[in-house]
Amino acid sequence: MQRGPTGTPAMEVGRLLDIKPSTLSGHLATLKRAGLVSTERHHREIQYAPRFDAVNGLVRFLLKDCCGGDASACAGIGLPD
């Protein structure tokens, strides 16, 4: 998300997260199938970029159903800095 719509090469994502390429590949494939990231090939590298509309939709869904719809149960829960 921090890199924005230009995305990040897969190898850079793996380096930043310290994840083995085989593990990373599976996670990125899952995110792509879910429609949360898009891909673009640049020569031998694949850039992964967030699909902000889909990510926003997921966050809205999760927050709407937060605490079983009991907003008072979620009071005081803050987002990480």
Protein backbone atom coordinates (compact mmCIF):
# COMPACT_ATOMS: atom_id res chain seq x y z
CA MET A 1 0.00 0.00 0.00
CA GLN A 2 2.85 2.38 0.79
CA ARG A 3 4.31 2.12 -2.71
CA GLY A 4 1.01 3.11 -4.29
CA PRO A 5 -0.34 2.16 -7.69
CA THR A 6 3.10 1.74 -9.26
CA GLY A 7 3.62 -1.37 -7.17
CA THR A 8 6.72 -3.25 -6.14
CA PRO A 9 8.67 -6.05 -7.82
CA ALA A 10 8.00 -9.45 -6.28
CA MET A 11 11.63 -9.94 -5.27
CA GLU A 12 11.60 -6.60 -3.45
CA VAL A 13 8.41 -7.58 -1.60
CA GLY A 14 10.13 -10.78 -0.50
CA ARG A 15 13.24 -8.91 0.62
CA LEU A 16 11.24 -6.33 2.58
CA LEU A 17 9.19 -9.02 4.33
CA ASP A 18 12.06 -11.53 4.64
CA ILE A 19 9.96 -14.27 3.01
CA LYS A 20 11.30 -17.14 0.90
CA PRO A 21 10.38 -16.81 -2.80
CA SER A 22 8.34 -20.03 -2.80
CA THR A 23 6.26 -18.88 0.18
CA LEU A 24 5.87 -15.37 -1.21
CA SER A 25 4.72 -16.69 -4.57
CA GLY A 26 1.82 -18.54 -2.94
CA HIS A 27 0.77 -15.51 -0.90
CA LEU A 28 0.92 -13.14 -3.86
CA ALA A 29 -1.04 -15.60 -6.02
CA THR A 30 -3.76 -15.73 -3.34
CA LEU A 31 -3.94 -11.92 -3.17
CA LYS A 32 -4.17 -11.76 -6.97
CA ARG A 33 -6.96 -14.39 -7.11
CA ALA A 34 -8.82 -12.42 -4.44
CA GLY A 35 -8.52 -9.32 -6.63
CA LEU A 36 -6.57 -7.37 -4.00
CA VAL A 37 -3.47 -6.86 -6.16
CA SER A 38 -2.80 -6.41 -9.84
CA THR A 39 0.29 -7.52 -11.71
CA GLU A 40 2.31 -6.12 -14.55
CA ARG A 41 5.30 -7.80 -16.15
CA HIS A 42 8.42 -5.68 -16.73
CA HIS A 43 10.89 -7.85 -18.65
CA ARG A 44 11.62 -10.76 -16.28
CA GLU A 45 10.11 -9.10 -13.22
CA ILE A 46 6.51 -8.96 -12.04
CA GLN A 47 5.31 -5.80 -10.30
CA TYR A 48 2.55 -6.24 -7.71
CA ALA A 49 0.35 -3.25 -6.94
CA PRO A 50 -2.59 -2.89 -4.58
CA ARG A 51 -6.05 -2.53 -6.10
CA PHE A 52 -7.23 0.25 -3.82
CA ASP A 53 -10.92 -0.18 -4.68
CA ALA A 54 -10.82 -3.84 -3.67
CA VAL A 55 -8.74 -3.23 -0.53
CA ASN A 56 -11.08 -0.43 0.55
CA GLY A 57 -14.07 -2.71 -0.04
CA LEU A 58 -12.50 -5.43 2.11
CA VAL A 59 -11.75 -2.98 4.92
CA ARG A 60 -15.31 -1.59 4.78
CA PHE A 61 -16.70 -5.14 4.94
CA LEU A 62 -14.51 -6.08 7.90
CA LEU A 63 -15.34 -2.91 9.82
CA LYS A 64 -19.05 -3.20 9.11
CA ASP A 65 -19.11 -6.66 10.66
CA CYS A 66 -16.72 -5.72 13.46
CA CYS A 67 -17.71 -7.21 16.81
CA GLY A 68 -20.87 -8.75 15.34
CA GLY A 69 -22.30 -5.32 14.55
CA ASP A 70 -22.04 -4.13 18.16
CA ALA A 71 -20.18 -0.84 17.70
CA SER A 72 -19.84 -0.33 21.46
CA ALA A 73 -17.82 -3.55 21.71
CA CYS A 74 -15.27 -2.07 19.32
CA ALA A 75 -14.99 1.26 21.16
CA GLY A 76 -11.43 2.13 22.07
CA ILE A 77 -9.86 -0.19 19.51
CA GLY A 78 -7.37 1.95 17.65
CA LEU A 79 -5.44 1.46 14.45
CA PRO A 80 -1.70 0.80 14.68
CA ASP A 81 0.60 3.78 14.13
